[in-house]
Amino acid sequence: MIRFDNDYTEGAHPRIMEKLAETNEEQLPGYGRDHYSDEAKALITRLCDNDVDVHFMVGGTQANLTIISSALRTHQGVIAPDSGHIAADETGAIEATGHKVLVIENENGKISAAQIRDFVDGHWTSPIREHMAQPKMVCISQPTESGTMYSKQELEEVRQVCDDHNLHLMVDGARLGYALASEDNDVTLADLARLCDVFYIGGTKVGALFGEAVVISNSALKEDFRYIIKQKGGMLAKGRLLGIQFKVLFQDELYVNISRHALKMAKRLQEGFESKGINMHYPSPTNQLFPVLTTEQMDELSRKYAFQPWEELDEDRKVIRFCTSWSTKENDVEALIADIGKL
């Protein structure tokens, strides 16, 4: 079985594994107080070109619930697309911290500044607003769960709405490498640090064994964040494991370079689908592809390949997700394309 169902089917990039093995018996302080973590933070801070705090956490859901619960008061909620990870794929993790996820209908995975403005205005003009969770934060993903991306202009427009309504802006960057490496992208880490109150750089889905780097720009959100990480069960005693991985990823542009490989494989696979007349449901320029397959086509491909059913369009047609990653083999892509050609 050749797996295209997600971008974390393998372990970690060989350079990470080599460095973890090389440093295995080195004695270091715990809880991220080691020099590798400091060096990784310095590399990320330099790219952000801003006065940011960087914290390493184990996974995306953990990062999301820690960030959001630290930023909101008990009566406040977070705005997100209805397709957003915090709304649809985290088992109510945000709600379990006492904060409602306030969903807005997405278009290709995104929500617009105008939608956010209308939603917030609707809250503040309601005569019974105290009966509802108060919107205080916006959480969007880059790239989105549909593989699409926000442009710099779109992010600037969202930032303006957040400023106008005193909202925090958070970007979930679980797959951020694939956005940064995309030819269609015009958003840098420095742009994210300037436009967001907080965002995170995904490692788990971009070549690391595990780990996310939380980047906080807003001084008000920096205070006591380590306390909150610990309280939420997110502080890894062997924090070196995170620091070492992110140091390797951000040396010599490895993070972006391995993402480029994934995009190259995705582009080739998309060409294979489209040459057979199979169209994409979402215009994704990143590592997630969403072809529309018939039940017969899906059954045939599932004999040799793993992929993820995403959305049912009608009785016979489904949107299917295929993912590529740093470790996707060109031979596997070509084998899949050959089998697509036989459908």
C-alpha atoms as a PDB file:
ATOM      1  CA  MET A   1       0.000   0.000   0.000  1.00  0.00           C
ATOM      2  CA  ILE A   2       1.371   3.397  -1.033  1.00  0.00           C
ATOM      3  CA  ARG A   3       0.055   6.135   1.218  1.00  0.00           C
ATOM      4  CA  PHE A   4      -1.124   9.554   0.069  1.00  0.00           C
ATOM      5  CA  ASP A   5      -3.733  10.010   2.822  1.00  0.00           C
ATOM      6  CA  ASN A   6      -1.756  12.557   4.856  1.00  0.00           C
ATOM      7  CA  ASP A   7       1.612  14.303   5.139  1.00  0.00           C
ATOM      8  CA  TYR A   8       2.831  12.584   8.306  1.00  0.00           C
ATOM      9  CA  THR A   9       2.882   8.903   7.321  1.00  0.00           C
ATOM     10  CA  GLU A  10       6.663   8.707   7.759  1.00  0.00           C
ATOM     11  CA  GLY A  11       8.890   9.631  10.704  1.00  0.00           C
ATOM     12  CA  ALA A  12      11.158  12.629  10.185  1.00  0.00           C
ATOM     13  CA  HIS A  13      13.627  14.020   7.689  1.00  0.00           C
ATOM     14  CA  PRO A  14      16.955  12.126   7.870  1.00  0.00           C
ATOM     15  CA  ARG A  15      18.874  15.228   8.949  1.00  0.00           C
ATOM     16  CA  ILE A  16      16.632  15.517  11.991  1.00  0.00           C
ATOM     17  CA  MET A  17      17.080  11.856  12.864  1.00  0.00           C
ATOM     18  CA  GLU A  18      20.838  12.172  12.473  1.00  0.00           C
ATOM     19  CA  LYS A  19      20.995  15.188  14.791  1.00  0.00           C
ATOM     20  CA  LEU A  20      18.777  13.539  17.399  1.00  0.00           C
ATOM     21  CA  ALA A  21      21.026  10.473  17.379  1.00  0.00           C
ATOM     22  CA  GLU A  22      24.195  12.577  17.449  1.00  0.00           C
ATOM     23  CA  THR A  23      23.036  14.533  20.517  1.00  0.00           C
ATOM     24  CA  ASN A  24      21.294  11.650  22.269  1.00  0.00           C
ATOM     25  CA  GLU A  25      23.722  11.281  25.174  1.00  0.00           C
ATOM     26  CA  GLU A  26      24.414  14.981  25.603  1.00  0.00           C
ATOM     27  CA  GLN A  27      23.251  16.124  29.034  1.00  0.00           C
ATOM     28  CA  LEU A  28      21.076  19.219  28.822  1.00  0.00           C
ATOM     29  CA  PRO A  29      18.594  21.189  30.955  1.00  0.00           C
ATOM     30  CA  GLY A  30      14.938  20.239  30.577  1.00  0.00           C
ATOM     31  CA  TYR A  31      11.736  22.039  29.590  1.00  0.00           C
ATOM     32  CA  GLY A  32      13.203  23.895  26.610  1.00  0.00           C
ATOM     33  CA  ARG A  33      15.971  25.621  28.563  1.00  0.00           C
ATOM     34  CA  ASP A  34      18.698  23.962  26.468  1.00  0.00           C
ATOM     35  CA  HIS A  35      20.958  25.756  24.006  1.00  0.00           C
ATOM     36  CA  TYR A  36      19.489  23.969  20.971  1.00  0.00           C
ATOM     37  CA  SER A  37      16.071  25.424  21.767  1.00  0.00           C
ATOM     38  CA  ASP A  38      17.616  28.866  22.221  1.00  0.00           C
ATOM     39  CA  GLU A  39      19.413  28.574  18.878  1.00  0.00           C
ATOM     40  CA  ALA A  40      16.243  27.424  17.108  1.00  0.00           C
ATOM     41  CA  LYS A  41      14.301  30.333  18.596  1.00  0.00           C
ATOM     42  CA  ALA A  42      16.990  32.743  17.398  1.00  0.00           C
ATOM     43  CA  LEU A  43      16.782  31.381  13.835  1.00  0.00           C
ATOM     44  CA  ILE A  44      13.005  31.795  13.753  1.00  0.00           C
ATOM     45  CA  THR A  45      13.104  35.233  15.398  1.00  0.00           C
ATOM     46  CA  ARG A  46      15.570  36.458  12.776  1.00  0.00           C
ATOM     47  CA  LEU A  47      13.250  35.389   9.953  1.00  0.00           C
ATOM     48  CA  CYS A  48      10.287  37.037  11.660  1.00  0.00           C
ATOM     49  CA  ASP A  49      12.170  40.354  11.796  1.00  0.00           C
ATOM     50  CA  ASN A  50      10.110  41.376  14.798  1.00  0.00           C
ATOM     51  CA  ASP A  51      10.127  41.361  18.584  1.00  0.00           C
ATOM     52  CA  VAL A  52       8.569  37.928  19.016  1.00  0.00           C
ATOM     53  CA  ASP A  53       8.533  35.216  21.649  1.00  0.00           C
ATOM     54  CA  VAL A  54       8.932  31.648  20.380  1.00  0.00           C
ATOM     55  CA  HIS A  55       7.704  28.578  22.257  1.00  0.00           C
ATOM     56  CA  PHE A  56       7.859  24.948  21.159  1.00  0.00           C
ATOM     57  CA  MET A  57       4.915  22.603  21.634  1.00  0.00           C
ATOM     58  CA  VAL A  58       4.261  19.002  20.688  1.00  0.00           C
ATOM     59  CA  GLY A  59       1.215  19.172  18.394  1.00  0.00           C
ATOM     60  CA  GLY A  60      -1.253  21.391  16.599  1.00  0.00           C
ATOM     61  CA  THR A  61      -4.383  20.805  18.665  1.00  0.00           C
ATOM     62  CA  GLN A  62      -2.366  21.353  21.823  1.00  0.00           C
ATOM     63  CA  ALA A  63      -0.953  24.583  20.411  1.00  0.00           C
ATOM     64  CA  ASN A  64      -4.389  25.809  19.323  1.00  0.00           C
ATOM     65  CA  LEU A  65      -6.131  25.209  22.627  1.00  0.00           C
ATOM     66  CA  THR A  66      -3.235  26.677  24.625  1.00  0.00           C
ATOM     67  CA  ILE A  67      -3.006  29.830  22.504  1.00  0.00           C
ATOM     68  CA  ILE A  68      -6.743  30.450  22.325  1.00  0.00           C
ATOM     69  CA  SER A  69      -7.499  29.748  25.973  1.00  0.00           C
ATOM     70  CA  SER A  70      -4.638  32.028  27.038  1.00  0.00           C
ATOM     71  CA  ALA A  71      -5.872  34.918  24.885  1.00  0.00           C
ATOM     72  CA  LEU A  72      -9.571  34.892  25.785  1.00  0.00           C
ATOM     73  CA  ARG A  73     -11.576  35.721  28.879  1.00  0.00           C
ATOM     74  CA  THR A  74     -14.214  33.265  30.014  1.00  0.00           C
ATOM     75  CA  HIS A  75     -17.107  34.874  28.094  1.00  0.00           C
ATOM     76  CA  GLN A  76     -15.248  35.248  24.800  1.00  0.00           C
ATOM     77  CA  GLY A  77     -15.092  33.119  21.662  1.00  0.00           C
ATOM     78  CA  VAL A  78     -12.962  32.695  18.556  1.00  0.00           C
ATOM     79  CA  ILE A  79     -14.138  33.217  14.973  1.00  0.00           C
ATOM     80  CA  ALA A  80     -13.110  30.532  12.468  1.00  0.00           C
ATOM     81  CA  PRO A  81     -14.172  29.120   9.103  1.00  0.00           C
ATOM     82  CA  ASP A  82     -16.623  26.242   9.475  1.00  0.00           C
ATOM     83  CA  SER A  83     -13.983  24.089   7.770  1.00  0.00           C
ATOM     84  CA  GLY A  84     -11.232  25.223  10.144  1.00  0.00           C
ATOM     85  CA  HIS A  85      -9.327  22.652  12.156  1.00  0.00           C
ATOM     86  CA  ILE A  86     -10.445  24.082  15.496  1.00  0.00           C
ATOM     87  CA  ALA A  87     -14.074  23.921  14.346  1.00  0.00           C
ATOM     88  CA  ALA A  88     -14.171  20.520  12.667  1.00  0.00           C
ATOM     89  CA  ASP A  89     -11.216  18.339  13.640  1.00  0.00           C
ATOM     90  CA  GLU A  90     -10.271  18.805  17.274  1.00  0.00           C
ATOM     91  CA  THR A  91     -13.007  16.939  19.174  1.00  0.00           C
ATOM     92  CA  GLY A  92     -14.247  20.142  20.775  1.00  0.00           C
ATOM     93  CA  ALA A  93     -10.825  20.898  22.271  1.00  0.00           C
ATOM     94  CA  ILE A  94     -11.406  24.647  22.211  1.00  0.00           C
ATOM     95  CA  GLU A  95     -14.892  24.337  23.693  1.00  0.00           C
ATOM     96  CA  ALA A  96     -13.470  22.068  26.399  1.00  0.00           C
ATOM     97  CA  THR A  97     -11.421  25.049  27.600  1.00  0.00           C
ATOM     98  CA  GLY A  98     -14.656  27.045  27.927  1.00  0.00           C
ATOM     99  CA  HIS A  99     -14.516  29.045  24.688  1.00  0.00           C
ATOM    100  CA  LYS A 100     -17.010  28.779  21.846  1.00  0.00           C
ATOM    101  CA  VAL A 101     -15.817  28.486  18.255  1.00  0.00           C
ATOM    102  CA  LEU A 102     -17.906  30.985  16.261  1.00  0.00           C
ATOM    103  CA  VAL A 103     -18.062  29.625  12.729  1.00  0.00           C
ATOM    104  CA  ILE A 104     -18.427  31.498   9.448  1.00  0.00           C
ATOM    105  CA  GLU A 105     -19.185  29.693   6.186  1.00  0.00           C
ATOM    106  CA  ASN A 106     -15.990  29.196   4.208  1.00  0.00           C
ATOM    107  CA  GLU A 107     -15.297  29.633   0.529  1.00  0.00           C
ATOM    108  CA  ASN A 108     -12.544  27.258  -0.578  1.00  0.00           C
ATOM    109  CA  GLY A 109     -11.396  27.072   3.037  1.00  0.00           C
ATOM    110  CA  LYS A 110     -11.155  30.831   3.582  1.00  0.00           C
ATOM    111  CA  ILE A 111     -13.207  33.571   5.194  1.00  0.00           C
ATOM    112  CA  SER A 112     -12.970  37.207   4.132  1.00  0.00           C
ATOM    113  CA  ALA A 113     -12.470  40.429   6.024  1.00  0.00           C
ATOM    114  CA  ALA A 114     -15.992  41.479   5.006  1.00  0.00           C
ATOM    115  CA  GLN A 115     -17.485  38.303   6.474  1.00  0.00           C
ATOM    116  CA  ILE A 116     -15.635  38.849   9.742  1.00  0.00           C
ATOM    117  CA  ARG A 117     -16.745  42.482   9.889  1.00  0.00           C
ATOM    118  CA  ASP A 118     -20.380  41.558   9.270  1.00  0.00           C
ATOM    119  CA  PHE A 119     -20.254  38.842  11.913  1.00  0.00           C
ATOM    120  CA  VAL A 120     -18.763  41.114  14.572  1.00  0.00           C
ATOM    121  CA  ASP A 121     -21.066  44.009  13.695  1.00  0.00           C
ATOM    122  CA  GLY A 122     -23.993  41.624  14.024  1.00  0.00           C
ATOM    123  CA  HIS A 123     -22.891  40.757  17.528  1.00  0.00           C
ATOM    124  CA  TRP A 124     -22.411  44.324  18.728  1.00  0.00           C
ATOM    125  CA  THR A 125     -25.703  45.565  17.260  1.00  0.00           C
ATOM    126  CA  SER A 126     -27.711  42.742  18.817  1.00  0.00           C
ATOM    127  CA  PRO A 127     -29.947  43.869  21.707  1.00  0.00           C
ATOM    128  CA  ILE A 128     -29.236  40.549  23.434  1.00  0.00           C
ATOM    129  CA  ARG A 129     -25.492  40.351  22.778  1.00  0.00           C
ATOM    130  CA  GLU A 130     -24.773  39.490  26.421  1.00  0.00           C
ATOM    131  CA  HIS A 131     -26.551  36.174  25.780  1.00  0.00           C
ATOM    132  CA  MET A 132     -23.903  35.129  23.250  1.00  0.00           C
ATOM    133  CA  ALA A 133     -20.171  34.494  23.335  1.00  0.00           C
ATOM    134  CA  GLN A 134     -18.333  37.723  22.575  1.00  0.00           C
ATOM    135  CA  PRO A 135     -16.083  37.505  19.480  1.00  0.00           C
ATOM    136  CA  LYS A 136     -12.545  38.412  20.523  1.00  0.00           C
ATOM    137  CA  MET A 137     -10.251  36.418  18.248  1.00  0.00           C
ATOM    138  CA  VAL A 138     -10.026  35.260  14.640  1.00  0.00           C
ATOM    139  CA  CYS A 139      -8.300  31.969  13.807  1.00  0.00           C
ATOM    140  CA  ILE A 140      -7.528  31.156  10.171  1.00  0.00           C
ATOM    141  CA  SER A 141      -5.150  28.627   8.621  1.00  0.00           C
ATOM    142  CA  GLN A 142      -2.272  29.168   6.198  1.00  0.00           C
ATOM    143  CA  PRO A 143      -2.588  27.138   4.072  1.00  0.00           C
ATOM    144  CA  THR A 144      -6.210  26.269   4.711  1.00  0.00           C
ATOM    145  CA  GLU A 145      -7.690  22.820   5.196  1.00  0.00           C
ATOM    146  CA  SER A 146      -8.645  23.005   1.496  1.00  0.00           C
ATOM    147  CA  GLY A 147      -5.046  23.658   0.447  1.00  0.00           C
ATOM    148  CA  THR A 148      -5.742  27.285  -0.501  1.00  0.00           C
ATOM    149  CA  MET A 149      -3.785  30.289   0.757  1.00  0.00           C
ATOM    150  CA  TYR A 150      -4.414  33.811   1.959  1.00  0.00           C
ATOM    151  CA  SER A 151      -2.588  36.521   0.017  1.00  0.00           C
ATOM    152  CA  LYS A 152      -0.788  39.321   1.808  1.00  0.00           C
ATOM    153  CA  GLN A 153      -3.571  41.707   0.805  1.00  0.00           C
ATOM    154  CA  GLU A 154      -6.233  39.398   2.238  1.00  0.00           C
ATOM    155  CA  LEU A 155      -4.314  39.094   5.506  1.00  0.00           C
ATOM    156  CA  GLU A 156      -3.871  42.864   5.670  1.00  0.00           C
ATOM    157  CA  GLU A 157      -7.617  43.311   5.192  1.00  0.00           C
ATOM    158  CA  VAL A 158      -8.348  40.819   7.966  1.00  0.00           C
ATOM    159  CA  ARG A 159      -5.817  42.588  10.181  1.00  0.00           C
ATOM    160  CA  GLN A 160      -7.580  45.903   9.585  1.00  0.00           C
ATOM    161  CA  VAL A 161     -10.926  44.447  10.643  1.00  0.00           C
ATOM    162  CA  CYS A 162      -9.292  42.988  13.745  1.00  0.00           C
ATOM    163  CA  ASP A 163      -7.802  46.383  14.589  1.00  0.00           C
ATOM    164  CA  ASP A 164     -11.137  48.121  14.014  1.00  0.00           C
ATOM    165  CA  HIS A 165     -12.937  45.695  16.340  1.00  0.00           C
ATOM    166  CA  ASN A 166     -10.183  45.003  18.884  1.00  0.00           C
ATOM    167  CA  LEU A 167      -9.779  41.345  17.899  1.00  0.00           C
ATOM    168  CA  HIS A 168      -6.722  39.124  18.159  1.00  0.00           C
ATOM    169  CA  LEU A 169      -5.599  37.487  14.893  1.00  0.00           C
ATOM    170  CA  MET A 170      -4.166  33.981  15.007  1.00  0.00           C
ATOM    171  CA  VAL A 171      -2.874  31.889  12.111  1.00  0.00           C
ATOM    172  CA  ASP A 172      -2.795  28.105  12.385  1.00  0.00           C
ATOM    173  CA  GLY A 173       0.322  27.180  10.436  1.00  0.00           C
ATOM    174  CA  ALA A 174       0.257  23.406  10.781  1.00  0.00           C
ATOM    175  CA  ARG A 175       1.263  23.162   7.092  1.00  0.00           C
ATOM    176  CA  LEU A 176       2.907  26.572   6.846  1.00  0.00           C
ATOM    177  CA  GLY A 177       5.959  25.287   4.978  1.00  0.00           C
ATOM    178  CA  TYR A 178       3.842  24.382   1.975  1.00  0.00           C
ATOM    179  CA  ALA A 179       2.473  27.917   1.803  1.00  0.00           C
ATOM    180  CA  LEU A 180       5.886  29.538   2.223  1.00  0.00           C
ATOM    181  CA  ALA A 181       7.293  27.370  -0.576  1.00  0.00           C
ATOM    182  CA  SER A 182       4.432  27.884  -3.025  1.00  0.00           C
ATOM    183  CA  GLU A 183       5.087  29.861  -6.204  1.00  0.00           C
ATOM    184  CA  ASP A 184       1.757  31.629  -5.620  1.00  0.00           C
ATOM    185  CA  ASN A 185       2.683  32.816  -2.126  1.00  0.00           C
ATOM    186  CA  ASP A 186       3.552  36.417  -1.256  1.00  0.00           C
ATOM    187  CA  VAL A 187       3.432  36.087   2.552  1.00  0.00           C
ATOM    188  CA  THR A 188       6.680  35.746   4.503  1.00  0.00           C
ATOM    189  CA  LEU A 189       7.307  34.857   8.130  1.00  0.00           C
ATOM    190  CA  ALA A 190       8.051  38.532   8.700  1.00  0.00           C
ATOM    191  CA  ASP A 191       4.631  39.406   7.247  1.00  0.00           C
ATOM    192  CA  LEU A 192       2.942  36.933   9.577  1.00  0.00           C
ATOM    193  CA  ALA A 193       4.810  38.327  12.573  1.00  0.00           C
ATOM    194  CA  ARG A 194       3.729  41.841  11.578  1.00  0.00           C
ATOM    195  CA  LEU A 195       0.096  41.041  10.812  1.00  0.00           C
ATOM    196  CA  CYS A 196      -0.728  38.411  13.442  1.00  0.00           C
ATOM    197  CA  ASP A 197      -0.906  38.602  17.197  1.00  0.00           C
ATOM    198  CA  VAL A 198       0.183  34.979  17.273  1.00  0.00           C
ATOM    199  CA  PHE A 199       0.789  32.182  14.783  1.00  0.00           C
ATOM    200  CA  TYR A 200       2.560  28.879  14.741  1.00  0.00           C
ATOM    201  CA  ILE A 201       4.952  27.110  12.423  1.00  0.00           C
ATOM    202  CA  GLY A 202       4.021  23.483  11.897  1.00  0.00           C
ATOM    203  CA  GLY A 203       6.656  20.791  12.163  1.00  0.00           C
ATOM    204  CA  THR A 204       4.622  17.600  12.551  1.00  0.00           C
ATOM    205  CA  LYS A 205       3.264  17.823   8.983  1.00  0.00           C
ATOM    206  CA  VAL A 206       6.414  19.370   7.505  1.00  0.00           C
ATOM    207  CA  GLY A 207       9.274  16.986   8.182  1.00  0.00           C
ATOM    208  CA  ALA A 208       9.587  16.833  11.972  1.00  0.00           C
ATOM    209  CA  LEU A 209       8.854  13.818  14.147  1.00  0.00           C
ATOM    210  CA  PHE A 210       6.513  16.125  16.038  1.00  0.00           C
ATOM    211  CA  GLY A 211       6.362  19.722  17.143  1.00  0.00           C
ATOM    212  CA  GLU A 212       5.039  23.206  16.430  1.00  0.00           C
ATOM    213  CA  ALA A 213       6.739  26.565  17.014  1.00  0.00           C
ATOM    214  CA  VAL A 214       4.378  29.152  18.514  1.00  0.00           C
ATOM    215  CA  VAL A 215       5.342  32.732  17.589  1.00  0.00           C
ATOM    216  CA  ILE A 216       3.818  35.539  19.669  1.00  0.00           C
ATOM    217  CA  SER A 217       4.030  39.138  18.452  1.00  0.00           C
ATOM    218  CA  ASN A 218       1.480  40.802  20.732  1.00  0.00           C
ATOM    219  CA  SER A 219       3.125  41.748  24.023  1.00  0.00           C
ATOM    220  CA  ALA A 220      -0.152  41.303  25.891  1.00  0.00           C
ATOM    221  CA  LEU A 221      -0.226  37.624  24.900  1.00  0.00           C
ATOM    222  CA  LYS A 222       3.405  36.957  25.807  1.00  0.00           C
ATOM    223  CA  GLU A 223       3.013  37.318  29.559  1.00  0.00           C
ATOM    224  CA  ASP A 224       3.030  34.040  31.505  1.00  0.00           C
ATOM    225  CA  PHE A 225       2.668  31.914  28.366  1.00  0.00           C
ATOM    226  CA  ARG A 226       5.059  29.288  29.719  1.00  0.00           C
ATOM    227  CA  TYR A 227       2.871  28.962  32.803  1.00  0.00           C
ATOM    228  CA  ILE A 228      -0.118  28.314  30.570  1.00  0.00           C
ATOM    229  CA  ILE A 229       1.770  25.773  28.437  1.00  0.00           C
ATOM    230  CA  LYS A 230       2.584  23.832  31.598  1.00  0.00           C
ATOM    231  CA  GLN A 231      -0.954  24.113  32.944  1.00  0.00           C
ATOM    232  CA  LYS A 232      -2.357  22.716  29.692  1.00  0.00           C
ATOM    233  CA  GLY A 233       0.003  19.738  29.778  1.00  0.00           C
ATOM    234  CA  GLY A 234       2.029  21.025  26.868  1.00  0.00           C
ATOM    235  CA  MET A 235       5.484  21.476  28.365  1.00  0.00           C
ATOM    236  CA  LEU A 236       7.757  18.639  27.281  1.00  0.00           C
ATOM    237  CA  ALA A 237      10.352  17.716  29.904  1.00  0.00           C
ATOM    238  CA  LYS A 238      12.767  16.697  27.143  1.00  0.00           C
ATOM    239  CA  GLY A 239      12.283  20.009  25.374  1.00  0.00           C
ATOM    240  CA  ARG A 240      15.590  19.490  23.597  1.00  0.00           C
ATOM    241  CA  LEU A 241      13.767  17.142  21.214  1.00  0.00           C
ATOM    242  CA  LEU A 242      11.767  20.087  19.919  1.00  0.00           C
ATOM    243  CA  GLY A 243      14.636  22.561  19.887  1.00  0.00           C
ATOM    244  CA  ILE A 244      16.938  20.229  17.971  1.00  0.00           C
ATOM    245  CA  GLN A 245      14.306  19.508  15.342  1.00  0.00           C
ATOM    246  CA  PHE A 246      13.471  23.149  14.708  1.00  0.00           C
ATOM    247  CA  LYS A 247      17.123  24.130  14.641  1.00  0.00           C
ATOM    248  CA  VAL A 248      17.702  21.581  11.883  1.00  0.00           C
ATOM    249  CA  LEU A 249      14.570  22.640   9.987  1.00  0.00           C
ATOM    250  CA  PHE A 250      15.561  26.313  10.004  1.00  0.00           C
ATOM    251  CA  GLN A 251      19.204  25.854   9.105  1.00  0.00           C
ATOM    252  CA  ASP A 252      20.076  26.108   5.408  1.00  0.00           C
ATOM    253  CA  GLU A 253      16.392  26.684   4.495  1.00  0.00           C
ATOM    254  CA  LEU A 254      15.599  22.996   4.995  1.00  0.00           C
ATOM    255  CA  TYR A 255      12.008  23.750   6.036  1.00  0.00           C
ATOM    256  CA  VAL A 256      11.166  25.505   2.774  1.00  0.00           C
ATOM    257  CA  ASN A 257      13.277  23.227   0.584  1.00  0.00           C
ATOM    258  CA  ILE A 258      11.587  20.016   1.718  1.00  0.00           C
ATOM    259  CA  SER A 259       8.232  21.734   1.281  1.00  0.00           C
ATOM    260  CA  ARG A 260       9.190  22.571  -2.306  1.00  0.00           C
ATOM    261  CA  HIS A 261       9.751  18.882  -2.963  1.00  0.00           C
ATOM    262  CA  ALA A 262       6.240  18.122  -1.716  1.00  0.00           C
ATOM    263  CA  LEU A 263       4.806  20.824  -3.987  1.00  0.00           C
ATOM    264  CA  LYS A 264       6.705  19.476  -6.980  1.00  0.00           C
ATOM    265  CA  MET A 265       5.230  16.025  -6.351  1.00  0.00           C
ATOM    266  CA  ALA A 266       1.738  17.488  -5.881  1.00  0.00           C
ATOM    267  CA  LYS A 267       1.968  19.439  -9.128  1.00  0.00           C
ATOM    268  CA  ARG A 268       3.027  16.323 -11.022  1.00  0.00           C
ATOM    269  CA  LEU A 269       0.181  14.333  -9.493  1.00  0.00           C
ATOM    270  CA  GLN A 270      -2.332  17.043 -10.359  1.00  0.00           C
ATOM    271  CA  GLU A 271      -1.134  16.916 -13.969  1.00  0.00           C
ATOM    272  CA  GLY A 272      -1.746  13.173 -13.915  1.00  0.00           C
ATOM    273  CA  PHE A 273      -5.315  13.567 -12.714  1.00  0.00           C
ATOM    274  CA  GLU A 274      -6.117  16.389 -15.113  1.00  0.00           C
ATOM    275  CA  SER A 275      -4.648  14.551 -18.102  1.00  0.00           C
ATOM    276  CA  LYS A 276      -7.312  11.916 -17.436  1.00  0.00           C
ATOM    277  CA  GLY A 277     -10.025  14.592 -17.287  1.00  0.00           C
ATOM    278  CA  ILE A 278     -10.316  14.425 -13.498  1.00  0.00           C
ATOM    279  CA  ASN A 279     -10.788  17.911 -12.077  1.00  0.00           C
ATOM    280  CA  MET A 280      -9.810  19.389  -8.720  1.00  0.00           C
ATOM    281  CA  HIS A 281     -12.590  20.483  -6.362  1.00  0.00           C
ATOM    282  CA  TYR A 282     -10.443  23.162  -4.678  1.00  0.00           C
ATOM    283  CA  PRO A 283      -7.819  25.388  -6.369  1.00  0.00           C
ATOM    284  CA  SER A 284      -4.978  24.226  -4.131  1.00  0.00           C
ATOM    285  CA  PRO A 285      -1.434  25.372  -4.985  1.00  0.00           C
ATOM    286  CA  THR A 286      -0.019  23.490  -1.993  1.00  0.00           C
ATOM    287  CA  ASN A 287       0.570  19.844  -1.056  1.00  0.00           C
ATOM    288  CA  GLN A 288      -3.078  18.807  -0.698  1.00  0.00           C
ATOM    289  CA  LEU A 289      -5.025  17.827  -3.818  1.00  0.00           C
ATOM    290  CA  PHE A 290      -8.778  17.285  -3.944  1.00  0.00           C
ATOM    291  CA  PRO A 291      -9.756  15.407  -7.123  1.00  0.00           C
ATOM    292  CA  VAL A 292     -13.372  14.450  -7.769  1.00  0.00           C
ATOM    293  CA  LEU A 293     -13.610  10.681  -8.314  1.00  0.00           C
ATOM    294  CA  THR A 294     -16.440   8.320  -9.063  1.00  0.00           C
ATOM    295  CA  THR A 295     -17.062   5.429  -6.700  1.00  0.00           C
ATOM    296  CA  GLU A 296     -15.657   3.036  -9.298  1.00  0.00           C
ATOM    297  CA  GLN A 297     -12.483   5.105  -9.720  1.00  0.00           C
ATOM    298  CA  MET A 298     -12.044   5.379  -5.967  1.00  0.00           C
ATOM    299  CA  ASP A 299     -12.498   1.642  -5.458  1.00  0.00           C
ATOM    300  CA  GLU A 300      -9.989   0.852  -8.181  1.00  0.00           C
ATOM    301  CA  LEU A 301      -7.284   3.163  -6.827  1.00  0.00           C
ATOM    302  CA  SER A 302      -7.844   2.013  -3.239  1.00  0.00           C
ATOM    303  CA  ARG A 303      -6.487  -1.427  -4.158  1.00  0.00           C
ATOM    304  CA  LYS A 304      -2.955  -0.013  -4.122  1.00  0.00           C
ATOM    305  CA  TYR A 305      -3.138   3.487  -2.648  1.00  0.00           C
ATOM    306  CA  ALA A 306      -4.330   5.059   0.594  1.00  0.00           C
ATOM    307  CA  PHE A 307      -6.132   8.408   0.373  1.00  0.00           C
ATOM    308  CA  GLN A 308      -8.799  10.225   2.375  1.00  0.00           C
ATOM    309  CA  PRO A 309     -12.461  10.587   1.374  1.00  0.00           C
ATOM    310  CA  TRP A 310     -13.233  14.258   1.973  1.00  0.00           C
ATOM    311  CA  GLU A 311     -16.694  15.233   0.802  1.00  0.00           C
ATOM    312  CA  GLU A 312     -19.628  13.520  -0.889  1.00  0.00           C
ATOM    313  CA  LEU A 313     -20.982  15.452  -3.870  1.00  0.00           C
ATOM    314  CA  ASP A 314     -23.668  12.987  -4.942  1.00  0.00           C
ATOM    315  CA  GLU A 315     -24.363   9.255  -4.995  1.00  0.00           C
ATOM    316  CA  ASP A 316     -21.486   8.500  -7.339  1.00  0.00           C
ATOM    317  CA  ARG A 317     -18.977  11.335  -6.909  1.00  0.00           C
ATOM    318  CA  LYS A 318     -16.745  12.138  -3.971  1.00  0.00           C
ATOM    319  CA  VAL A 319     -14.025  14.674  -3.260  1.00  0.00           C
ATOM    320  CA  ILE A 320     -10.886  12.772  -2.252  1.00  0.00           C
ATOM    321  CA  ARG A 321      -7.781  14.181  -0.581  1.00  0.00           C
ATOM    322  CA  PHE A 322      -4.296  13.198  -1.704  1.00  0.00           C
ATOM    323  CA  CYS A 323      -1.294  14.598   0.200  1.00  0.00           C
ATOM    324  CA  THR A 324       2.370  14.774  -0.677  1.00  0.00           C
ATOM    325  CA  SER A 325       5.225  15.470   1.726  1.00  0.00           C
ATOM    326  CA  TRP A 326       8.983  15.806   2.115  1.00  0.00           C
ATOM    327  CA  SER A 327       9.255  12.022   1.760  1.00  0.00           C
ATOM    328  CA  THR A 328       7.000  11.417  -1.249  1.00  0.00           C
ATOM    329  CA  LYS A 329       8.865   9.294  -3.785  1.00  0.00           C
ATOM    330  CA  GLU A 330       8.781  10.280  -7.431  1.00  0.00           C
ATOM    331  CA  ASN A 331       8.437   6.608  -8.405  1.00  0.00           C
ATOM    332  CA  ASP A 332       5.312   6.311  -6.242  1.00  0.00           C
ATOM    333  CA  VAL A 333       3.780   9.380  -7.877  1.00  0.00           C
ATOM    334  CA  GLU A 334       4.525   8.034 -11.350  1.00  0.00           C
ATOM    335  CA  ALA A 335       3.043   4.650 -10.420  1.00  0.00           C
ATOM    336  CA  LEU A 336      -0.135   6.363  -9.231  1.00  0.00           C
ATOM    337  CA  ILE A 337      -0.310   8.466 -12.395  1.00  0.00           C
ATOM    338  CA  ALA A 338       0.040   5.324 -14.503  1.00  0.00           C
ATOM    339  CA  ASP A 339      -2.851   3.728 -12.635  1.00  0.00           C
ATOM    340  CA  ILE A 340      -4.931   6.898 -12.972  1.00  0.00           C
ATOM    341  CA  GLY A 341      -4.387   6.616 -16.702  1.00  0.00           C
ATOM    342  CA  LYS A 342      -5.956   3.143 -16.650  1.00  0.00           C
ATOM    343  CA  LEU A 343      -9.192   4.299 -15.003  1.00  0.00           C
END
